[in-house]
Amino acid sequence: QVSFVESGGGLVQPGGSLRLSCAVSGPIFSDYPMAWYRQAPGNQREVVATLSTGGITNYADSAKGRFTISRDNAKNTMYLQMNSLKPEDTAVYYCWLLDTWGQGIQVTVSS
């Protein structure tokens, strides 16, 4: 069974930065790929970034060059560094592991 504790969301102005954290309990963290998803009001949940066990990353076109996914296996924690945030990045963000999502954390980009 997987459980998550997400943190780091909030309100930020356009152009600002946030770092989301997701502490994971349960499985051997380093054995599995992971991802961040997001869901804006009225939209379907979409993948933002993925990270394989071998360190290969993939990003949605909207996130490329601005977001960075990473993991700290010693801390069983995954991160999403988000820079140059735009109002269209406003959404609930979810970490993902083993076909399970975290509880979600709100990110609001607004002046």
PDB file of N, CA and C in Angstrom:
ATOM      1  N   GLN A   1       0.844  -1.193   0.000  1.00  0.00           N
ATOM      2  CA  GLN A   1       0.000   0.000   0.000  1.00  0.00           C
ATOM      3  C   GLN A   1       0.881   1.246   0.000  1.00  0.00           C
ATOM      4  N   VAL A   2       0.469   2.216  -0.809  1.00  0.00           N
ATOM      5  CA  VAL A   2       1.242   3.443  -0.964  1.00  0.00           C
ATOM      6  C   VAL A   2       0.498   4.585  -0.292  1.00  0.00           C
ATOM      7  N   SER A   3       1.217   5.432   0.400  1.00  0.00           N
ATOM      8  CA  SER A   3       0.626   6.660   0.934  1.00  0.00           C
ATOM      9  C   SER A   3       1.555   7.824   0.645  1.00  0.00           C
ATOM     10  N   PHE A   4       0.940   8.989   0.549  1.00  0.00           N
ATOM     11  CA  PHE A   4       1.682  10.179   0.141  1.00  0.00           C
ATOM     12  C   PHE A   4       1.383  11.335   1.090  1.00  0.00           C
ATOM     13  N   VAL A   5       2.357  12.216   1.237  1.00  0.00           N
ATOM     14  CA  VAL A   5       2.149  13.501   1.885  1.00  0.00           C
ATOM     15  C   VAL A   5       2.716  14.564   0.958  1.00  0.00           C
ATOM     16  N   GLU A   6       1.811  15.335   0.373  1.00  0.00           N
ATOM     17  CA  GLU A   6       2.220  16.376  -0.566  1.00  0.00           C
ATOM     18  C   GLU A   6       2.327  17.720   0.155  1.00  0.00           C
ATOM     19  N   SER A   7       3.241  18.547  -0.300  1.00  0.00           N
ATOM     20  CA  SER A   7       3.411  19.876   0.282  1.00  0.00           C
ATOM     21  C   SER A   7       4.027  20.806  -0.752  1.00  0.00           C
ATOM     22  N   GLY A   8       3.972  22.100  -0.443  1.00  0.00           N
ATOM     23  CA  GLY A   8       4.666  23.079  -1.273  1.00  0.00           C
ATOM     24  C   GLY A   8       3.789  23.895  -2.197  1.00  0.00           C
ATOM     25  N   GLY A   9       2.508  23.612  -2.242  1.00  0.00           N
ATOM     26  CA  GLY A   9       1.632  24.386  -3.108  1.00  0.00           C
ATOM     27  C   GLY A   9       1.297  25.742  -2.511  1.00  0.00           C
ATOM     28  N   GLY A  10       0.445  26.474  -3.220  1.00  0.00           N
ATOM     29  CA  GLY A  10       0.030  27.768  -2.712  1.00  0.00           C
ATOM     30  C   GLY A  10      -0.237  28.755  -3.822  1.00  0.00           C
ATOM     31  N   LEU A  11      -0.259  30.020  -3.430  1.00  0.00           N
ATOM     32  CA  LEU A  11      -0.510  31.114  -4.364  1.00  0.00           C
ATOM     33  C   LEU A  11       0.808  31.783  -4.716  1.00  0.00           C
ATOM     34  N   VAL A  12       1.029  31.986  -6.002  1.00  0.00           N
ATOM     35  CA  VAL A  12       2.250  32.620  -6.470  1.00  0.00           C
ATOM     36  C   VAL A  12       1.901  33.541  -7.635  1.00  0.00           C
ATOM     37  N   GLN A  13       2.677  34.592  -7.788  1.00  0.00           N
ATOM     38  CA  GLN A  13       2.449  35.517  -8.894  1.00  0.00           C
ATOM     39  C   GLN A  13       3.011  34.947 -10.192  1.00  0.00           C
ATOM     40  N   PRO A  14       2.472  35.366 -11.317  1.00  0.00           N
ATOM     41  CA  PRO A  14       3.045  34.941 -12.601  1.00  0.00           C
ATOM     42  C   PRO A  14       4.535  35.250 -12.655  1.00  0.00           C
ATOM     43  N   GLY A  15       5.283  34.287 -13.176  1.00  0.00           N
ATOM     44  CA  GLY A  15       6.734  34.408 -13.218  1.00  0.00           C
ATOM     45  C   GLY A  15       7.439  33.855 -11.999  1.00  0.00           C
ATOM     46  N   GLY A  16       6.687  33.528 -10.982  1.00  0.00           N
ATOM     47  CA  GLY A  16       7.276  33.009  -9.757  1.00  0.00           C
ATOM     48  C   GLY A  16       7.576  31.524  -9.828  1.00  0.00           C
ATOM     49  N   SER A  17       8.030  30.996  -8.691  1.00  0.00           N
ATOM     50  CA  SER A  17       8.433  29.593  -8.609  1.00  0.00           C
ATOM     51  C   SER A  17       7.808  28.926  -7.391  1.00  0.00           C
ATOM     52  N   LEU A  18       7.621  27.639  -7.505  1.00  0.00           N
ATOM     53  CA  LEU A  18       7.198  26.791  -6.389  1.00  0.00           C
ATOM     54  C   LEU A  18       7.903  25.448  -6.524  1.00  0.00           C
ATOM     55  N   ARG A  19       8.136  24.803  -5.385  1.00  0.00           N
ATOM     56  CA  ARG A  19       8.618  23.436  -5.422  1.00  0.00           C
ATOM     57  C   ARG A  19       7.636  22.551  -4.657  1.00  0.00           C
ATOM     58  N   LEU A  20       7.062  21.610  -5.365  1.00  0.00           N
ATOM     59  CA  LEU A  20       6.172  20.638  -4.751  1.00  0.00           C
ATOM     60  C   LEU A  20       6.990  19.439  -4.271  1.00  0.00           C
ATOM     61  N   SER A  21       6.600  18.935  -3.117  1.00  0.00           N
ATOM     62  CA  SER A  21       7.233  17.743  -2.556  1.00  0.00           C
ATOM     63  C   SER A  21       6.173  16.677  -2.323  1.00  0.00           C
ATOM     64  N   CYS A  22       6.582  15.438  -2.443  1.00  0.00           N
ATOM     65  CA  CYS A  22       5.677  14.315  -2.196  1.00  0.00           C
ATOM     66  C   CYS A  22       6.466  13.233  -1.485  1.00  0.00           C
ATOM     67  N   ALA A  23       6.236  13.107  -0.191  1.00  0.00           N
ATOM     68  CA  ALA A  23       6.882  12.069   0.606  1.00  0.00           C
ATOM     69  C   ALA A  23       6.058  10.795   0.499  1.00  0.00           C
ATOM     70  N   VAL A  24       6.727   9.702   0.190  1.00  0.00           N
ATOM     71  CA  VAL A  24       6.049   8.440  -0.105  1.00  0.00           C
ATOM     72  C   VAL A  24       6.362   7.408   0.965  1.00  0.00           C
ATOM     73  N   SER A  25       5.338   6.704   1.405  1.00  0.00           N
ATOM     74  CA  SER A  25       5.498   5.587   2.333  1.00  0.00           C
ATOM     75  C   SER A  25       4.928   4.331   1.702  1.00  0.00           C
ATOM     76  N   GLY A  26       5.579   3.199   1.989  1.00  0.00           N
ATOM     77  CA  GLY A  26       5.035   1.935   1.516  1.00  0.00           C
ATOM     78  C   GLY A  26       6.042   1.124   0.732  1.00  0.00           C
ATOM     79  N   PRO A  27       6.130   1.337  -0.568  1.00  0.00           N
ATOM     80  CA  PRO A  27       7.000   0.500  -1.389  1.00  0.00           C
ATOM     81  C   PRO A  27       8.462   0.939  -1.313  1.00  0.00           C
ATOM     82  N   ILE A  28       9.310   0.103  -1.899  1.00  0.00           N
ATOM     83  CA  ILE A  28      10.710   0.496  -2.042  1.00  0.00           C
ATOM     84  C   ILE A  28      10.744   1.573  -3.109  1.00  0.00           C
ATOM     85  N   PHE A  29      10.921   2.770  -2.658  1.00  0.00           N
ATOM     86  CA  PHE A  29      10.720   3.959  -3.481  1.00  0.00           C
ATOM     87  C   PHE A  29      11.533   3.930  -4.767  1.00  0.00           C
ATOM     88  N   SER A  30      12.753   3.523  -4.674  1.00  0.00           N
ATOM     89  CA  SER A  30      13.664   3.622  -5.813  1.00  0.00           C
ATOM     90  C   SER A  30      13.366   2.600  -6.903  1.00  0.00           C
ATOM     91  N   ASP A  31      12.474   1.657  -6.645  1.00  0.00           N
ATOM     92  CA  ASP A  31      12.213   0.577  -7.608  1.00  0.00           C
ATOM     93  C   ASP A  31      11.206   0.950  -8.684  1.00  0.00           C
ATOM     94  N   TYR A  32      10.577   2.112  -8.561  1.00  0.00           N
ATOM     95  CA  TYR A  32       9.433   2.402  -9.419  1.00  0.00           C
ATOM     96  C   TYR A  32       9.534   3.757 -10.101  1.00  0.00           C
ATOM     97  N   PRO A  33       8.955   3.840 -11.292  1.00  0.00           N
ATOM     98  CA  PRO A  33       8.857   5.157 -11.925  1.00  0.00           C
ATOM     99  C   PRO A  33       7.814   5.995 -11.200  1.00  0.00           C
ATOM    100  N   MET A  34       7.882   7.291 -11.400  1.00  0.00           N
ATOM    101  CA  MET A  34       6.950   8.188 -10.741  1.00  0.00           C
ATOM    102  C   MET A  34       6.578   9.327 -11.657  1.00  0.00           C
ATOM    103  N   ALA A  35       5.585  10.080 -11.247  1.00  0.00           N
ATOM    104  CA  ALA A  35       5.100  11.148 -12.112  1.00  0.00           C
ATOM    105  C   ALA A  35       4.362  12.197 -11.292  1.00  0.00           C
ATOM    106  N   TRP A  36       4.203  13.321 -11.916  1.00  0.00           N
ATOM    107  CA  TRP A  36       3.321  14.381 -11.425  1.00  0.00           C
ATOM    108  C   TRP A  36       2.224  14.605 -12.468  1.00  0.00           C
ATOM    109  N   TYR A  37       0.993  14.728 -11.991  1.00  0.00           N
ATOM    110  CA  TYR A  37      -0.149  15.055 -12.825  1.00  0.00           C
ATOM    111  C   TYR A  37      -0.754  16.361 -12.305  1.00  0.00           C
ATOM    112  N   ARG A  38      -1.642  16.917 -13.106  1.00  0.00           N
ATOM    113  CA  ARG A  38      -2.396  18.064 -12.641  1.00  0.00           C
ATOM    114  C   ARG A  38      -3.790  18.052 -13.260  1.00  0.00           C
ATOM    115  N   GLN A  39      -4.690  18.731 -12.582  1.00  0.00           N
ATOM    116  CA  GLN A  39      -6.060  18.831 -13.077  1.00  0.00           C
ATOM    117  C   GLN A  39      -6.582  20.223 -12.787  1.00  0.00           C
ATOM    118  N   ALA A  40      -6.887  20.937 -13.850  1.00  0.00           N
ATOM    119  CA  ALA A  40      -7.476  22.261 -13.727  1.00  0.00           C
ATOM    120  C   ALA A  40      -8.999  22.135 -13.744  1.00  0.00           C
ATOM    121  N   PRO A  41      -9.709  23.102 -13.177  1.00  0.00           N
ATOM    122  CA  PRO A  41     -11.171  23.037 -13.162  1.00  0.00           C
ATOM    123  C   PRO A  41     -11.737  22.851 -14.564  1.00  0.00           C
ATOM    124  N   GLY A  42     -12.616  21.865 -14.697  1.00  0.00           N
ATOM    125  CA  GLY A  42     -13.251  21.609 -15.981  1.00  0.00           C
ATOM    126  C   GLY A  42     -12.422  20.815 -16.961  1.00  0.00           C
ATOM    127  N   ASN A  43     -11.200  20.468 -16.556  1.00  0.00           N
ATOM    128  CA  ASN A  43     -10.311  19.727 -17.451  1.00  0.00           C
ATOM    129  C   ASN A  43     -10.042  18.324 -16.920  1.00  0.00           C
ATOM    130  N   GLN A  44      -9.586  17.464 -17.826  1.00  0.00           N
ATOM    131  CA  GLN A  44      -9.173  16.133 -17.390  1.00  0.00           C
ATOM    132  C   GLN A  44      -7.799  16.197 -16.714  1.00  0.00           C
ATOM    133  N   ARG A  45      -7.535  15.212 -15.889  1.00  0.00           N
ATOM    134  CA  ARG A  45      -6.217  15.113 -15.282  1.00  0.00           C
ATOM    135  C   ARG A  45      -5.204  14.805 -16.379  1.00  0.00           C
ATOM    136  N   GLU A  46      -4.076  15.492 -16.331  1.00  0.00           N
ATOM    137  CA  GLU A  46      -3.063  15.314 -17.360  1.00  0.00           C
ATOM    138  C   GLU A  46      -1.694  15.119 -16.724  1.00  0.00           C
ATOM    139  N   VAL A  47      -0.867  14.378 -17.406  1.00  0.00           N
ATOM    140  CA  VAL A  47       0.483  14.162 -16.904  1.00  0.00           C
ATOM    141  C   VAL A  47       1.319  15.409 -17.173  1.00  0.00           C
ATOM    142  N   VAL A  48       2.117  15.770 -16.201  1.00  0.00           N
ATOM    143  CA  VAL A  48       2.996  16.929 -16.318  1.00  0.00           C
ATOM    144  C   VAL A  48       4.437  16.493 -16.552  1.00  0.00           C
ATOM    145  N   ALA A  49       4.872  15.493 -15.779  1.00  0.00           N
ATOM    146  CA  ALA A  49       6.262  15.053 -15.875  1.00  0.00           C
ATOM    147  C   ALA A  49       6.372  13.629 -15.352  1.00  0.00           C
ATOM    148  N   THR A  50       7.284  12.875 -15.934  1.00  0.00           N
ATOM    149  CA  THR A  50       7.545  11.511 -15.478  1.00  0.00           C
ATOM    150  C   THR A  50       9.035  11.317 -15.266  1.00  0.00           C
ATOM    151  N   LEU A  51       9.351  10.376 -14.393  1.00  0.00           N
ATOM    152  CA  LEU A  51      10.755  10.076 -14.073  1.00  0.00           C
ATOM    153  C   LEU A  51      10.890   8.572 -13.918  1.00  0.00           C
ATOM    154  N   SER A  52      11.746   7.986 -14.749  1.00  0.00           N
ATOM    155  CA  SER A  52      11.940   6.538 -14.682  1.00  0.00           C
ATOM    156  C   SER A  52      12.927   6.178 -13.576  1.00  0.00           C
ATOM    157  N   THR A  53      13.010   4.893 -13.283  1.00  0.00           N
ATOM    158  CA  THR A  53      13.974   4.444 -12.285  1.00  0.00           C
ATOM    159  C   THR A  53      15.406   4.708 -12.748  1.00  0.00           C
ATOM    160  N   GLY A  54      15.611   4.775 -14.052  1.00  0.00           N
ATOM    161  CA  GLY A  54      16.934   5.048 -14.588  1.00  0.00           C
ATOM    162  C   GLY A  54      17.263   6.518 -14.726  1.00  0.00           C
ATOM    163  N   GLY A  55      16.321   7.368 -14.311  1.00  0.00           N
ATOM    164  CA  GLY A  55      16.587   8.799 -14.337  1.00  0.00           C
ATOM    165  C   GLY A  55      16.150   9.513 -15.597  1.00  0.00           C
ATOM    166  N   ILE A  56      15.431   8.810 -16.469  1.00  0.00           N
ATOM    167  CA  ILE A  56      14.952   9.452 -17.703  1.00  0.00           C
ATOM    168  C   ILE A  56      13.697  10.249 -17.392  1.00  0.00           C
ATOM    169  N   THR A  57      13.682  11.497 -17.842  1.00  0.00           N
ATOM    170  CA  THR A  57      12.541  12.373 -17.599  1.00  0.00           C
ATOM    171  C   THR A  57      11.800  12.664 -18.890  1.00  0.00           C
ATOM    172  N   ASN A  58      10.520  12.878 -18.744  1.00  0.00           N
ATOM    173  CA  ASN A  58       9.689  13.339 -19.858  1.00  0.00           C
ATOM    174  C   ASN A  58       8.737  14.394 -19.335  1.00  0.00           C
ATOM    175  N   TYR A  59       8.464  15.372 -20.173  1.00  0.00           N
ATOM    176  CA  TYR A  59       7.613  16.484 -19.761  1.00  0.00           C
ATOM    177  C   TYR A  59       6.530  16.749 -20.797  1.00  0.00           C
ATOM    178  N   ALA A  60       5.392  17.194 -20.302  1.00  0.00           N
ATOM    179  CA  ALA A  60       4.377  17.730 -21.192  1.00  0.00           C
ATOM    180  C   ALA A  60       4.952  18.957 -21.891  1.00  0.00           C
ATOM    181  N   ASP A  61       4.487  19.219 -23.089  1.00  0.00           N
ATOM    182  CA  ASP A  61       4.999  20.379 -23.825  1.00  0.00           C
ATOM    183  C   ASP A  61       4.851  21.660 -23.020  1.00  0.00           C
ATOM    184  N   SER A  62       3.770  21.746 -22.259  1.00  0.00           N
ATOM    185  CA  SER A  62       3.509  22.959 -21.478  1.00  0.00           C
ATOM    186  C   SER A  62       4.499  23.141 -20.342  1.00  0.00           C
ATOM    187  N   ALA A  63       5.176  22.060 -19.958  1.00  0.00           N
ATOM    188  CA  ALA A  63       6.094  22.106 -18.822  1.00  0.00           C
ATOM    189  C   ALA A  63       7.568  22.158 -19.225  1.00  0.00           C
ATOM    190  N   LYS A  64       7.858  21.821 -20.451  1.00  0.00           N
ATOM    191  CA  LYS A  64       9.248  21.743 -20.893  1.00  0.00           C
ATOM    192  C   LYS A  64       9.968  23.071 -20.725  1.00  0.00           C
ATOM    193  N   GLY A  65      11.152  22.997 -20.153  1.00  0.00           N
ATOM    194  CA  GLY A  65      11.964  24.185 -19.967  1.00  0.00           C
ATOM    195  C   GLY A  65      11.632  24.989 -18.727  1.00  0.00           C
ATOM    196  N   ARG A  66      10.527  24.648 -18.065  1.00  0.00           N
ATOM    197  CA  ARG A  66      10.119  25.388 -16.867  1.00  0.00           C
ATOM    198  C   ARG A  66      10.036  24.513 -15.636  1.00  0.00           C
ATOM    199  N   PHE A  67       9.656  23.265 -15.798  1.00  0.00           N
ATOM    200  CA  PHE A  67       9.462  22.350 -14.673  1.00  0.00           C
ATOM    201  C   PHE A  67      10.574  21.305 -14.663  1.00  0.00           C
ATOM    202  N   THR A  68      10.909  20.850 -13.460  1.00  0.00           N
ATOM    203  CA  THR A  68      11.896  19.786 -13.308  1.00  0.00           C
ATOM    204  C   THR A  68      11.394  18.780 -12.281  1.00  0.00           C
ATOM    205  N   ILE A  69      11.314  17.526 -12.687  1.00  0.00           N
ATOM    206  CA  ILE A  69      10.945  16.441 -11.771  1.00  0.00           C
ATOM    207  C   ILE A  69      12.218  15.799 -11.248  1.00  0.00           C
ATOM    208  N   SER A  70      12.206  15.453  -9.980  1.00  0.00           N
ATOM    209  CA  SER A  70      13.378  14.805  -9.398  1.00  0.00           C
ATOM    210  C   SER A  70      12.944  13.922  -8.237  1.00  0.00           C
ATOM    211  N   ARG A  71      13.882  13.147  -7.723  1.00  0.00           N
ATOM    212  CA  ARG A  71      13.582  12.244  -6.606  1.00  0.00           C
ATOM    213  C   ARG A  71      14.791  12.180  -5.694  1.00  0.00           C
ATOM    214  N   ASP A  72      14.536  11.980  -4.437  1.00  0.00           N
ATOM    215  CA  ASP A  72      15.575  11.733  -3.456  1.00  0.00           C
ATOM    216  C   ASP A  72      15.253  10.382  -2.828  1.00  0.00           C
ATOM    217  N   ASN A  73      15.944   9.352  -3.278  1.00  0.00           N
ATOM    218  CA  ASN A  73      15.631   8.003  -2.819  1.00  0.00           C
ATOM    219  C   ASN A  73      15.915   7.831  -1.324  1.00  0.00           C
ATOM    220  N   ALA A  74      16.880   8.551  -0.818  1.00  0.00           N
ATOM    221  CA  ALA A  74      17.210   8.436   0.606  1.00  0.00           C
ATOM    222  C   ALA A  74      16.083   8.981   1.477  1.00  0.00           C
ATOM    223  N   LYS A  75      15.335   9.939   0.926  1.00  0.00           N
ATOM    224  CA  LYS A  75      14.240  10.545   1.690  1.00  0.00           C
ATOM    225  C   LYS A  75      12.875  10.029   1.251  1.00  0.00           C
ATOM    226  N   ASN A  76      12.851   9.113   0.274  1.00  0.00           N
ATOM    227  CA  ASN A  76      11.579   8.622  -0.265  1.00  0.00           C
ATOM    228  C   ASN A  76      10.661   9.773  -0.680  1.00  0.00           C
ATOM    229  N   THR A  77      11.233  10.731  -1.351  1.00  0.00           N
ATOM    230  CA  THR A  77      10.490  11.929  -1.703  1.00  0.00           C
ATOM    231  C   THR A  77      10.722  12.280  -3.163  1.00  0.00           C
ATOM    232  N   MET A  78       9.667  12.682  -3.832  1.00  0.00           N
ATOM    233  CA  MET A  78       9.755  13.201  -5.190  1.00  0.00           C
ATOM    234  C   MET A  78       9.435  14.686  -5.172  1.00  0.00           C
ATOM    235  N   TYR A  79       9.939  15.388  -6.168  1.00  0.00           N
ATOM    236  CA  TYR A  79       9.791  16.832  -6.230  1.00  0.00           C
ATOM    237  C   TYR A  79       9.358  17.271  -7.623  1.00  0.00           C
ATOM    238  N   LEU A  80       8.732  18.423  -7.659  1.00  0.00           N
ATOM    239  CA  LEU A  80       8.464  19.099  -8.917  1.00  0.00           C
ATOM    240  C   LEU A  80       8.820  20.572  -8.726  1.00  0.00           C
ATOM    241  N   GLN A  81       9.930  20.960  -9.317  1.00  0.00           N
ATOM    242  CA  GLN A  81      10.333  22.362  -9.290  1.00  0.00           C
ATOM    243  C   GLN A  81       9.658  23.069 -10.461  1.00  0.00           C
ATOM    244  N   MET A  82       8.928  24.114 -10.165  1.00  0.00           N
ATOM    245  CA  MET A  82       8.173  24.833 -11.193  1.00  0.00           C
ATOM    246  C   MET A  82       8.639  26.279 -11.215  1.00  0.00           C
ATOM    247  N   ASN A  83       9.181  26.688 -12.339  1.00  0.00           N
ATOM    248  CA  ASN A  83       9.659  28.054 -12.527  1.00  0.00           C
ATOM    249  C   ASN A  83       8.850  28.751 -13.610  1.00  0.00           C
ATOM    250  N   SER A  84       8.980  30.063 -13.650  1.00  0.00           N
ATOM    251  CA  SER A  84       8.288  30.867 -14.670  1.00  0.00           C
ATOM    252  C   SER A  84       6.811  30.492 -14.770  1.00  0.00           C
ATOM    253  N   LEU A  85       6.183  30.423 -13.624  1.00  0.00           N
ATOM    254  CA  LEU A  85       4.792  29.966 -13.584  1.00  0.00           C
ATOM    255  C   LEU A  85       3.853  30.925 -14.295  1.00  0.00           C
ATOM    256  N   LYS A  86       2.835  30.350 -14.912  1.00  0.00           N
ATOM    257  CA  LYS A  86       1.844  31.097 -15.675  1.00  0.00           C
ATOM    258  C   LYS A  86       0.458  30.856 -15.077  1.00  0.00           C
ATOM    259  N   PRO A  87      -0.475  31.760 -15.307  1.00  0.00           N
ATOM    260  CA  PRO A  87      -1.831  31.527 -14.798  1.00  0.00           C
ATOM    261  C   PRO A  87      -2.417  30.189 -15.268  1.00  0.00           C
ATOM    262  N   GLU A  88      -2.060  29.753 -16.449  1.00  0.00           N
ATOM    263  CA  GLU A  88      -2.591  28.482 -16.947  1.00  0.00           C
ATOM    264  C   GLU A  88      -1.992  27.263 -16.256  1.00  0.00           C
ATOM    265  N   ASP A  89      -1.020  27.474 -15.392  1.00  0.00           N
ATOM    266  CA  ASP A  89      -0.500  26.377 -14.572  1.00  0.00           C
ATOM    267  C   ASP A  89      -1.362  26.148 -13.329  1.00  0.00           C
ATOM    268  N   THR A  90      -2.324  27.002 -13.110  1.00  0.00           N
ATOM    269  CA  THR A  90      -3.222  26.841 -11.965  1.00  0.00           C
ATOM    270  C   THR A  90      -3.977  25.527 -12.063  1.00  0.00           C
ATOM    271  N   ALA A  91      -3.845  24.715 -11.028  1.00  0.00           N
ATOM    272  CA  ALA A  91      -4.458  23.382 -11.034  1.00  0.00           C
ATOM    273  C   ALA A  91      -4.203  22.731  -9.678  1.00  0.00           C
ATOM    274  N   VAL A  92      -4.839  21.601  -9.487  1.00  0.00           N
ATOM    275  CA  VAL A  92      -4.476  20.712  -8.390  1.00  0.00           C
ATOM    276  C   VAL A  92      -3.436  19.736  -8.928  1.00  0.00           C
ATOM    277  N   TYR A  93      -2.325  19.644  -8.239  1.00  0.00           N
ATOM    278  CA  TYR A  93      -1.217  18.803  -8.668  1.00  0.00           C
ATOM    279  C   TYR A  93      -1.186  17.533  -7.817  1.00  0.00           C
ATOM    280  N   TYR A  94      -0.924  16.407  -8.493  1.00  0.00           N
ATOM    281  CA  TYR A  94      -0.928  15.110  -7.840  1.00  0.00           C
ATOM    282  C   TYR A  94       0.385  14.379  -8.119  1.00  0.00           C
ATOM    283  N   CYS A  95       0.994  13.811  -7.095  1.00  0.00           N
ATOM    284  CA  CYS A  95       2.080  12.883  -7.349  1.00  0.00           C
ATOM    285  C   CYS A  95       1.488  11.507  -7.618  1.00  0.00           C
ATOM    286  N   TRP A  96       2.272  10.671  -8.300  1.00  0.00           N
ATOM    287  CA  TRP A  96       1.780   9.357  -8.759  1.00  0.00           C
ATOM    288  C   TRP A  96       2.866   8.326  -8.634  1.00  0.00           C
ATOM    289  N   LEU A  97       2.471   7.162  -8.130  1.00  0.00           N
ATOM    290  CA  LEU A  97       3.393   6.028  -8.009  1.00  0.00           C
ATOM    291  C   LEU A  97       2.546   4.771  -7.923  1.00  0.00           C
ATOM    292  N   LEU A  98       2.918   3.752  -8.662  1.00  0.00           N
ATOM    293  CA  LEU A  98       2.215   2.466  -8.588  1.00  0.00           C
ATOM    294  C   LEU A  98       0.707   2.625  -8.790  1.00  0.00           C
ATOM    295  N   ASP A  99       0.360   3.372  -9.836  1.00  0.00           N
ATOM    296  CA  ASP A  99      -1.053   3.561 -10.201  1.00  0.00           C
ATOM    297  C   ASP A  99      -1.874   4.187  -9.070  1.00  0.00           C
ATOM    298  N   THR A 100      -1.237   4.931  -8.228  1.00  0.00           N
ATOM    299  CA  THR A 100      -1.901   5.586  -7.105  1.00  0.00           C
ATOM    300  C   THR A 100      -1.532   7.062  -7.103  1.00  0.00           C
ATOM    301  N   TRP A 101      -2.536   7.915  -6.900  1.00  0.00           N
ATOM    302  CA  TRP A 101      -2.290   9.361  -6.817  1.00  0.00           C
ATOM    303  C   TRP A 101      -2.277   9.830  -5.368  1.00  0.00           C
ATOM    304  N   GLY A 102      -1.498  10.871  -5.127  1.00  0.00           N
ATOM    305  CA  GLY A 102      -1.564  11.554  -3.855  1.00  0.00           C
ATOM    306  C   GLY A 102      -2.890  12.277  -3.702  1.00  0.00           C
ATOM    307  N   GLN A 103      -3.026  12.980  -2.578  1.00  0.00           N
ATOM    308  CA  GLN A 103      -4.304  13.632  -2.280  1.00  0.00           C
ATOM    309  C   GLN A 103      -4.500  14.899  -3.087  1.00  0.00           C
ATOM    310  N   GLY A 104      -3.450  15.397  -3.674  1.00  0.00           N
ATOM    311  CA  GLY A 104      -3.539  16.600  -4.480  1.00  0.00           C
ATOM    312  C   GLY A 104      -3.213  17.839  -3.675  1.00  0.00           C
ATOM    313  N   ILE A 105      -2.608  18.804  -4.364  1.00  0.00           N
ATOM    314  CA  ILE A 105      -2.246  20.056  -3.704  1.00  0.00           C
ATOM    315  C   ILE A 105      -2.508  21.198  -4.686  1.00  0.00           C
ATOM    316  N   GLN A 106      -3.107  22.250  -4.163  1.00  0.00           N
ATOM    317  CA  GLN A 106      -3.520  23.359  -5.018  1.00  0.00           C
ATOM    318  C   GLN A 106      -2.338  24.277  -5.337  1.00  0.00           C
ATOM    319  N   VAL A 107      -2.215  24.608  -6.608  1.00  0.00           N
ATOM    320  CA  VAL A 107      -1.282  25.631  -7.071  1.00  0.00           C
ATOM    321  C   VAL A 107      -2.097  26.684  -7.811  1.00  0.00           C
ATOM    322  N   THR A 108      -1.992  27.919  -7.366  1.00  0.00           N
ATOM    323  CA  THR A 108      -2.705  29.019  -7.987  1.00  0.00           C
ATOM    324  C   THR A 108      -1.709  30.082  -8.415  1.00  0.00           C
ATOM    325  N   VAL A 109      -1.737  30.416  -9.693  1.00  0.00           N
ATOM    326  CA  VAL A 109      -0.848  31.436 -10.235  1.00  0.00           C
ATOM    327  C   VAL A 109      -1.702  32.640 -10.622  1.00  0.00           C
ATOM    328  N   SER A 110      -1.536  33.705  -9.886  1.00  0.00           N
ATOM    329  CA  SER A 110      -2.387  34.865 -10.097  1.00  0.00           C
ATOM    330  C   SER A 110      -1.722  36.108  -9.511  1.00  0.00           C
ATOM    331  N   SER A 111      -1.990  37.228 -10.155  1.00  0.00           N
ATOM    332  CA  SER A 111      -1.487  38.495  -9.631  1.00  0.00           C
ATOM    333  C   SER A 111      -2.540  39.154  -8.747  1.00  0.00           C
TER     334      SER A 111
END
